[in-house]
Amino acid sequence: MSTFDDRERAEEAKYAHDSQLQFKIMNRRNKLLGLWAADLMNLSGAEAEAYAKSVVMSDLEEPGDEDVFRKVRGDLDAKGIDRSDARIREHMAELIAVAREQVMKEVKDQ
């Protein structure tokens, strides 16, 4: 029975680790997306960082990416910046790979 319990605990620990890693990756993606949108809106420095943080926080509204997409879409529209829905979603997808690479490097370096 001990081997089964050990295996179960190991699986639970792996699931918790993987979930935490995915959370970090998505937060990083959202920050990178926020910095990209901030650049389009001619924000820099502290303003860009604050905007990126607001994009990260917008992901807490509902599961999935729609809350983040709506935030960026609405803010770009409010500033009169012409980006298609497809381009924003495409950039979100591109940034997942970048975020994963960054987070995995940080985890490896610890």
N, C-alpha and C. Protein backbone atom coordinates (compact mmCIF):
# COMPACT_ATOMS: atom_id res chain seq x y z
N MET A 1 0.82 -1.19 0.00
CA MET A 1 0.00 0.00 0.00
C MET A 1 0.86 1.26 0.00
N SER A 2 2.02 1.19 0.62
CA SER A 2 2.91 2.34 0.70
C SER A 2 3.37 2.81 -0.67
N THR A 3 3.66 1.88 -1.57
CA THR A 3 4.10 2.23 -2.92
C THR A 3 2.99 2.97 -3.66
N PHE A 4 1.77 2.49 -3.49
CA PHE A 4 0.63 3.16 -4.12
C PHE A 4 0.46 4.57 -3.56
N ASP A 5 0.57 4.74 -2.25
CA ASP A 5 0.44 6.06 -1.62
C ASP A 5 1.55 7.00 -2.08
N ASP A 6 2.76 6.47 -2.18
CA ASP A 6 3.89 7.28 -2.66
C ASP A 6 3.66 7.74 -4.09
N ARG A 7 3.19 6.84 -4.90
CA ARG A 7 2.91 7.17 -6.31
C ARG A 7 1.81 8.23 -6.40
N GLU A 8 0.78 8.09 -5.59
CA GLU A 8 -0.32 9.06 -5.58
C GLU A 8 0.17 10.44 -5.14
N ARG A 9 0.98 10.48 -4.10
CA ARG A 9 1.54 11.76 -3.64
C ARG A 9 2.43 12.38 -4.70
N ALA A 10 3.21 11.58 -5.39
CA ALA A 10 4.09 12.09 -6.45
C ALA A 10 3.26 12.67 -7.59
N GLU A 11 2.18 12.01 -7.95
CA GLU A 11 1.30 12.51 -9.01
C GLU A 11 0.64 13.82 -8.60
N GLU A 12 0.21 13.90 -7.36
CA GLU A 12 -0.41 15.13 -6.86
C GLU A 12 0.60 16.28 -6.85
N ALA A 13 1.83 15.99 -6.45
CA ALA A 13 2.87 17.02 -6.43
C ALA A 13 3.19 17.48 -7.85
N LYS A 14 3.24 16.54 -8.79
CA LYS A 14 3.52 16.89 -10.19
C LYS A 14 2.40 17.75 -10.76
N TYR A 15 1.16 17.39 -10.45
CA TYR A 15 0.02 18.18 -10.92
C TYR A 15 0.07 19.60 -10.37
N ALA A 16 0.37 19.72 -9.08
CA ALA A 16 0.46 21.05 -8.46
C ALA A 16 1.58 21.86 -9.08
N HIS A 17 2.72 21.24 -9.32
CA HIS A 17 3.86 21.92 -9.94
C HIS A 17 3.50 22.37 -11.36
N ASP A 18 2.90 21.47 -12.14
CA ASP A 18 2.53 21.81 -13.52
C ASP A 18 1.50 22.92 -13.56
N SER A 19 0.55 22.91 -12.64
CA SER A 19 -0.47 23.96 -12.58
C SER A 19 0.15 25.30 -12.24
N GLN A 20 1.07 25.30 -11.30
CA GLN A 20 1.75 26.53 -10.91
C GLN A 20 2.60 27.07 -12.07
N LEU A 21 3.26 26.18 -12.77
CA LEU A 21 4.07 26.57 -13.92
C LEU A 21 3.20 27.18 -15.02
N GLN A 22 2.06 26.56 -15.30
CA GLN A 22 1.15 27.08 -16.32
C GLN A 22 0.61 28.46 -15.92
N PHE A 23 0.31 28.65 -14.64
CA PHE A 23 -0.14 29.94 -14.14
C PHE A 23 0.92 31.01 -14.38
N LYS A 24 2.17 30.69 -14.07
CA LYS A 24 3.26 31.64 -14.29
C LYS A 24 3.43 31.97 -15.76
N ILE A 25 3.32 30.96 -16.61
CA ILE A 25 3.47 31.17 -18.05
C ILE A 25 2.37 32.10 -18.57
N MET A 26 1.14 31.88 -18.15
CA MET A 26 0.05 32.72 -18.63
C MET A 26 0.18 34.15 -18.09
N ASN A 27 0.59 34.30 -16.84
CA ASN A 27 0.82 35.64 -16.31
C ASN A 27 1.91 36.35 -17.09
N ARG A 28 2.97 35.64 -17.42
CA ARG A 28 4.06 36.24 -18.19
C ARG A 28 3.57 36.62 -19.60
N ARG A 29 2.78 35.73 -20.21
CA ARG A 29 2.24 36.04 -21.53
C ARG A 29 1.40 37.31 -21.48
N ASN A 30 0.58 37.42 -20.45
CA ASN A 30 -0.28 38.59 -20.32
C ASN A 30 0.53 39.87 -20.09
N LYS A 31 1.60 39.76 -19.33
CA LYS A 31 2.47 40.92 -19.12
C LYS A 31 3.12 41.33 -20.44
N LEU A 32 3.64 40.36 -21.18
CA LEU A 32 4.25 40.66 -22.48
C LEU A 32 3.24 41.26 -23.45
N LEU A 33 2.01 40.75 -23.43
CA LEU A 33 0.95 41.31 -24.26
C LEU A 33 0.67 42.74 -23.86
N GLY A 34 0.62 42.99 -22.56
CA GLY A 34 0.38 44.33 -22.06
C GLY A 34 1.48 45.29 -22.48
N LEU A 35 2.73 44.84 -22.43
CA LEU A 35 3.85 45.69 -22.86
C LEU A 35 3.79 45.97 -24.37
N TRP A 36 3.36 44.97 -25.14
CA TRP A 36 3.20 45.15 -26.60
C TRP A 36 2.11 46.19 -26.86
N ALA A 37 0.97 46.04 -26.20
CA ALA A 37 -0.13 46.99 -26.39
C ALA A 37 0.26 48.38 -25.90
N ALA A 38 0.99 48.44 -24.78
CA ALA A 38 1.45 49.73 -24.25
C ALA A 38 2.33 50.44 -25.28
N ASP A 39 3.20 49.69 -25.93
CA ASP A 39 4.06 50.26 -26.96
C ASP A 39 3.22 50.82 -28.11
N LEU A 40 2.20 50.08 -28.52
CA LEU A 40 1.31 50.56 -29.58
C LEU A 40 0.61 51.85 -29.18
N MET A 41 0.33 51.98 -27.88
CA MET A 41 -0.37 53.16 -27.37
C MET A 41 0.60 54.27 -26.94
N ASN A 42 1.88 54.09 -27.29
CA ASN A 42 2.93 55.06 -26.97
C ASN A 42 3.11 55.29 -25.47
N LEU A 43 2.92 54.25 -24.69
CA LEU A 43 3.20 54.30 -23.26
C LEU A 43 4.61 53.77 -23.04
N SER A 44 5.29 54.33 -22.07
CA SER A 44 6.63 53.83 -21.77
C SER A 44 6.90 53.92 -20.28
N GLY A 45 7.99 53.31 -19.86
CA GLY A 45 8.40 53.37 -18.47
C GLY A 45 7.34 52.86 -17.50
N ALA A 46 7.11 53.64 -16.47
CA ALA A 46 6.17 53.25 -15.41
C ALA A 46 4.74 53.10 -15.94
N GLU A 47 4.38 53.95 -16.91
CA GLU A 47 3.03 53.84 -17.50
C GLU A 47 2.86 52.51 -18.21
N ALA A 48 3.87 52.09 -18.96
CA ALA A 48 3.80 50.81 -19.68
C ALA A 48 3.74 49.66 -18.69
N GLU A 49 4.54 49.71 -17.64
CA GLU A 49 4.54 48.65 -16.62
C GLU A 49 3.18 48.59 -15.91
N ALA A 50 2.62 49.73 -15.59
CA ALA A 50 1.31 49.77 -14.93
C ALA A 50 0.23 49.20 -15.86
N TYR A 51 0.31 49.54 -17.13
CA TYR A 51 -0.67 49.01 -18.08
C TYR A 51 -0.52 47.49 -18.19
N ALA A 52 0.71 47.02 -18.30
CA ALA A 52 0.94 45.57 -18.39
C ALA A 52 0.38 44.86 -17.16
N LYS A 53 0.55 45.46 -16.00
CA LYS A 53 0.00 44.88 -14.77
C LYS A 53 -1.52 44.83 -14.83
N SER A 54 -2.13 45.86 -15.41
CA SER A 54 -3.60 45.86 -15.52
C SER A 54 -4.08 44.75 -16.47
N VAL A 55 -3.28 44.44 -17.47
CA VAL A 55 -3.63 43.33 -18.38
C VAL A 55 -3.54 42.01 -17.62
N VAL A 56 -2.48 41.84 -16.83
CA VAL A 56 -2.34 40.62 -16.02
C VAL A 56 -3.54 40.48 -15.08
N MET A 57 -3.92 41.56 -14.43
CA MET A 57 -5.04 41.52 -13.48
C MET A 57 -6.37 41.24 -14.17
N SER A 58 -6.49 41.65 -15.43
CA SER A 58 -7.75 41.42 -16.15
C SER A 58 -8.01 39.93 -16.37
N ASP A 59 -6.98 39.11 -16.29
CA ASP A 59 -7.14 37.68 -16.49
C ASP A 59 -7.85 37.01 -15.32
N LEU A 60 -8.05 37.73 -14.25
CA LEU A 60 -8.70 37.15 -13.07
C LEU A 60 -10.23 37.25 -13.14
N GLU A 61 -10.74 37.88 -14.20
CA GLU A 61 -12.19 38.10 -14.31
C GLU A 61 -12.95 36.82 -14.62
N GLU A 62 -12.38 35.97 -15.49
CA GLU A 62 -13.06 34.73 -15.88
C GLU A 62 -12.03 33.75 -16.42
N PRO A 63 -12.36 32.46 -16.45
CA PRO A 63 -11.43 31.49 -17.02
C PRO A 63 -11.21 31.74 -18.52
N GLY A 64 -10.05 31.40 -19.00
CA GLY A 64 -9.75 31.54 -20.42
C GLY A 64 -9.15 32.88 -20.75
N ASP A 65 -8.99 33.11 -22.05
CA ASP A 65 -8.30 34.29 -22.56
C ASP A 65 -9.22 35.44 -22.94
N GLU A 66 -10.52 35.24 -22.94
CA GLU A 66 -11.43 36.27 -23.45
C GLU A 66 -11.37 37.57 -22.65
N ASP A 67 -11.20 37.47 -21.34
CA ASP A 67 -11.13 38.69 -20.53
C ASP A 67 -9.90 39.51 -20.89
N VAL A 68 -8.78 38.85 -21.13
CA VAL A 68 -7.55 39.54 -21.52
C VAL A 68 -7.72 40.15 -22.92
N PHE A 69 -8.27 39.37 -23.83
CA PHE A 69 -8.49 39.86 -25.18
C PHE A 69 -9.39 41.10 -25.17
N ARG A 70 -10.50 41.04 -24.43
CA ARG A 70 -11.42 42.18 -24.37
C ARG A 70 -10.75 43.43 -23.82
N LYS A 71 -9.92 43.25 -22.81
CA LYS A 71 -9.21 44.38 -22.21
C LYS A 71 -8.31 45.06 -23.25
N VAL A 72 -7.48 44.28 -23.90
CA VAL A 72 -6.54 44.84 -24.89
C VAL A 72 -7.31 45.41 -26.08
N ARG A 73 -8.31 44.67 -26.57
CA ARG A 73 -9.10 45.13 -27.71
C ARG A 73 -9.76 46.47 -27.40
N GLY A 74 -10.37 46.57 -26.24
CA GLY A 74 -11.05 47.79 -25.85
C GLY A 74 -10.09 48.96 -25.69
N ASP A 75 -8.94 48.71 -25.11
CA ASP A 75 -7.97 49.78 -24.90
C ASP A 75 -7.37 50.25 -26.23
N LEU A 76 -7.09 49.33 -27.12
CA LEU A 76 -6.58 49.73 -28.44
C LEU A 76 -7.64 50.52 -29.21
N ASP A 77 -8.88 50.06 -29.14
CA ASP A 77 -9.97 50.79 -29.81
C ASP A 77 -10.11 52.19 -29.23
N ALA A 78 -10.03 52.31 -27.91
CA ALA A 78 -10.18 53.61 -27.26
C ALA A 78 -9.10 54.59 -27.70
N LYS A 79 -7.95 54.08 -28.04
CA LYS A 79 -6.84 54.93 -28.49
C LYS A 79 -6.81 55.08 -30.01
N GLY A 80 -7.78 54.46 -30.70
CA GLY A 80 -7.85 54.57 -32.15
C GLY A 80 -6.76 53.79 -32.88
N ILE A 81 -6.27 52.73 -32.26
CA ILE A 81 -5.21 51.91 -32.86
C ILE A 81 -5.85 50.75 -33.60
N ASP A 82 -5.54 50.67 -34.87
CA ASP A 82 -6.16 49.68 -35.75
C ASP A 82 -5.37 48.37 -35.74
N ARG A 83 -5.88 47.39 -35.02
CA ARG A 83 -5.35 46.03 -35.01
C ARG A 83 -6.55 45.11 -35.08
N SER A 84 -6.47 44.14 -35.97
CA SER A 84 -7.59 43.21 -36.12
C SER A 84 -7.65 42.25 -34.92
N ASP A 85 -8.84 41.71 -34.70
CA ASP A 85 -9.00 40.70 -33.66
C ASP A 85 -8.03 39.54 -33.92
N ALA A 86 -7.94 39.15 -35.18
CA ALA A 86 -7.06 38.03 -35.54
C ALA A 86 -5.61 38.33 -35.18
N ARG A 87 -5.17 39.55 -35.43
CA ARG A 87 -3.77 39.91 -35.14
C ARG A 87 -3.51 39.90 -33.63
N ILE A 88 -4.46 40.39 -32.86
CA ILE A 88 -4.28 40.38 -31.40
C ILE A 88 -4.22 38.94 -30.89
N ARG A 89 -5.14 38.11 -31.36
CA ARG A 89 -5.16 36.71 -30.92
C ARG A 89 -3.89 35.97 -31.39
N GLU A 90 -3.45 36.28 -32.59
CA GLU A 90 -2.23 35.68 -33.12
C GLU A 90 -1.04 36.07 -32.24
N HIS A 91 -0.98 37.33 -31.86
CA HIS A 91 0.12 37.79 -31.01
C HIS A 91 0.04 37.14 -29.63
N MET A 92 -1.15 36.95 -29.11
CA MET A 92 -1.32 36.26 -27.83
C MET A 92 -0.74 34.84 -27.93
N ALA A 93 -1.02 34.16 -29.03
CA ALA A 93 -0.51 32.80 -29.23
C ALA A 93 1.01 32.80 -29.37
N GLU A 94 1.55 33.76 -30.09
CA GLU A 94 3.00 33.85 -30.25
C GLU A 94 3.68 34.07 -28.90
N LEU A 95 3.07 34.88 -28.07
CA LEU A 95 3.69 35.22 -26.79
C LEU A 95 3.67 34.08 -25.78
N ILE A 96 2.80 33.10 -25.98
CA ILE A 96 2.80 31.94 -25.08
C ILE A 96 4.15 31.23 -25.18
N ALA A 97 4.64 31.05 -26.40
CA ALA A 97 5.93 30.38 -26.58
C ALA A 97 7.06 31.18 -25.95
N VAL A 98 7.03 32.49 -26.12
CA VAL A 98 8.05 33.37 -25.53
C VAL A 98 7.99 33.28 -24.01
N ALA A 99 6.79 33.37 -23.47
CA ALA A 99 6.61 33.32 -22.01
C ALA A 99 7.07 31.97 -21.46
N ARG A 100 6.72 30.89 -22.14
CA ARG A 100 7.12 29.55 -21.69
C ARG A 100 8.65 29.46 -21.64
N GLU A 101 9.29 29.94 -22.68
CA GLU A 101 10.75 29.90 -22.74
C GLU A 101 11.37 30.70 -21.58
N GLN A 102 10.85 31.88 -21.33
CA GLN A 102 11.37 32.72 -20.25
C GLN A 102 11.17 32.08 -18.88
N VAL A 103 9.98 31.58 -18.63
CA VAL A 103 9.67 30.98 -17.33
C VAL A 103 10.49 29.71 -17.12
N MET A 104 10.60 28.89 -18.14
CA MET A 104 11.35 27.65 -18.01
C MET A 104 12.83 27.93 -17.75
N LYS A 105 13.36 28.97 -18.37
CA LYS A 105 14.75 29.36 -18.14
C LYS A 105 14.92 29.82 -16.69
N GLU A 106 13.99 30.60 -16.19
CA GLU A 106 14.05 31.04 -14.79
C GLU A 106 13.98 29.87 -13.82
N VAL A 107 13.11 28.91 -14.10
CA VAL A 107 12.97 27.74 -13.23
C VAL A 107 14.27 26.94 -13.25
N LYS A 108 14.83 26.79 -14.42
CA LYS A 108 16.08 26.03 -14.59
C LYS A 108 17.24 26.71 -13.86
N ASP A 109 17.25 28.04 -13.88
CA ASP A 109 18.34 28.81 -13.26
C ASP A 109 18.25 28.86 -11.73
N GLN A 110 17.13 28.45 -11.18
CA GLN A 110 16.95 28.53 -9.71
C GLN A 110 17.72 27.45 -9.00
